[in-house]
């Protein structure tokens, strides 16, 4: 398959180029800081933002992608299923 964009520089305004499953955990950071979250299920997601110490509750809707840079998705209170993008 030819990738006509392989020589382009990827920046934060672009879509994700890699994706990973997120298993919420109150004590462990994600393997990568995300450039976005894609919601596979509607509900609440508790996240720690890229700025350490920032913990916030987000409401997400299934099928939507959100440009949130997060270090952790907490299990306590999280009811939605999300996928990380970077």
Protein backbone atom coordinates (compact mmCIF):
# COMPACT_ATOMS: atom_id res chain seq x y z
CA UNK A 1 0.00 0.00 0.00
CA UNK A 2 1.32 3.43 -0.91
CA UNK A 3 1.24 6.13 1.77
CA UNK A 4 1.18 9.45 -0.04
CA UNK A 5 1.64 11.27 3.27
CA UNK A 6 4.67 9.34 4.57
CA UNK A 7 6.97 12.35 4.09
CA UNK A 8 4.68 14.79 5.86
CA UNK A 9 5.46 15.99 9.38
CA UNK A 10 2.78 14.90 11.86
CA UNK A 11 1.71 17.57 14.32
CA UNK A 12 -1.00 17.80 16.98
CA UNK A 13 -3.55 19.20 14.52
CA UNK A 14 -3.40 15.96 12.52
CA UNK A 15 -5.25 12.76 13.31
CA UNK A 16 -3.60 9.98 15.26
CA UNK A 17 -1.18 7.71 13.46
CA UNK A 18 -1.05 4.95 16.07
CA UNK A 19 -3.71 3.56 18.40
CA UNK A 20 -3.70 1.48 21.57
CA UNK A 21 -6.24 -0.13 23.86
CA UNK A 22 -6.67 1.56 27.22
CA UNK A 23 -7.27 -0.43 30.39
CA UNK A 24 -8.24 2.10 33.07
CA UNK A 25 -6.04 1.97 36.18
CA UNK A 26 -5.99 4.25 39.21
CA UNK A 27 -2.26 3.78 39.85
CA UNK A 28 -0.50 3.28 36.51
CA UNK A 29 0.09 5.82 33.75
CA UNK A 30 -0.58 4.93 30.13
CA UNK A 31 2.32 3.65 28.06
CA UNK A 32 2.06 6.83 25.96
CA UNK A 33 0.65 10.29 26.55
CA UNK A 34 -2.27 10.47 24.16
CA UNK A 35 -2.89 13.05 21.45
CA UNK A 36 -6.54 12.06 21.55
CA UNK A 37 -9.13 9.62 22.86
CA UNK A 38 -11.69 7.80 20.76
CA UNK A 39 -14.83 6.75 22.63
CA UNK A 40 -16.10 3.26 21.81
CA UNK A 41 -18.79 3.61 24.46
CA UNK A 42 -20.76 6.50 25.94
CA UNK A 43 -20.13 7.37 29.56
CA UNK A 44 -17.73 8.98 31.98
CA UNK A 45 -13.94 8.90 31.79
CA UNK A 46 -11.75 10.08 34.68
CA UNK A 47 -8.38 11.20 33.36
CA UNK A 48 -5.13 12.77 34.49
CA UNK A 49 -4.13 15.44 32.01
CA UNK A 50 -0.69 15.87 30.53
CA UNK A 51 -0.05 18.50 33.21
CA UNK A 52 0.63 16.26 36.18
CA UNK A 53 -1.84 16.51 39.00
CA UNK A 54 -4.79 17.48 36.80
CA UNK A 55 -7.63 15.00 37.36
CA UNK A 56 -10.95 15.62 35.68
CA UNK A 57 -14.19 13.86 34.85
CA UNK A 58 -15.12 13.87 31.15
CA UNK A 59 -18.37 12.77 29.56
CA UNK A 60 -17.81 11.13 26.17
CA UNK A 61 -20.18 9.91 23.47
CA UNK A 62 -19.59 6.69 21.52
CA UNK A 63 -18.12 7.21 18.08
CA UNK A 64 -16.55 10.58 18.87
CA UNK A 65 -12.85 11.44 18.99
CA UNK A 66 -11.63 13.98 21.54
CA UNK A 67 -8.31 15.90 21.35
CA UNK A 68 -7.32 15.22 24.95
CA UNK A 69 -3.69 14.73 25.95
CA UNK A 70 -3.83 12.48 29.00
CA UNK A 71 -1.31 10.46 31.02
CA UNK A 72 -3.76 8.21 32.86
CA UNK A 73 -7.32 6.93 32.59
CA UNK A 74 -8.54 6.06 36.07
CA UNK A 75 -10.67 2.98 36.72
CA UNK A 76 -12.61 4.54 39.59
CA UNK A 77 -15.64 6.24 38.07
CA UNK A 78 -14.81 5.42 34.45
CA UNK A 79 -17.76 3.82 32.68
CA UNK A 80 -16.90 4.47 29.00
CA UNK A 81 -14.54 2.44 26.83
CA UNK A 82 -11.86 4.54 25.11
CA UNK A 83 -8.95 3.97 22.75
CA UNK A 84 -5.79 6.06 22.90
CA UNK A 85 -4.30 7.81 19.88
CA UNK A 86 -0.82 9.22 19.41
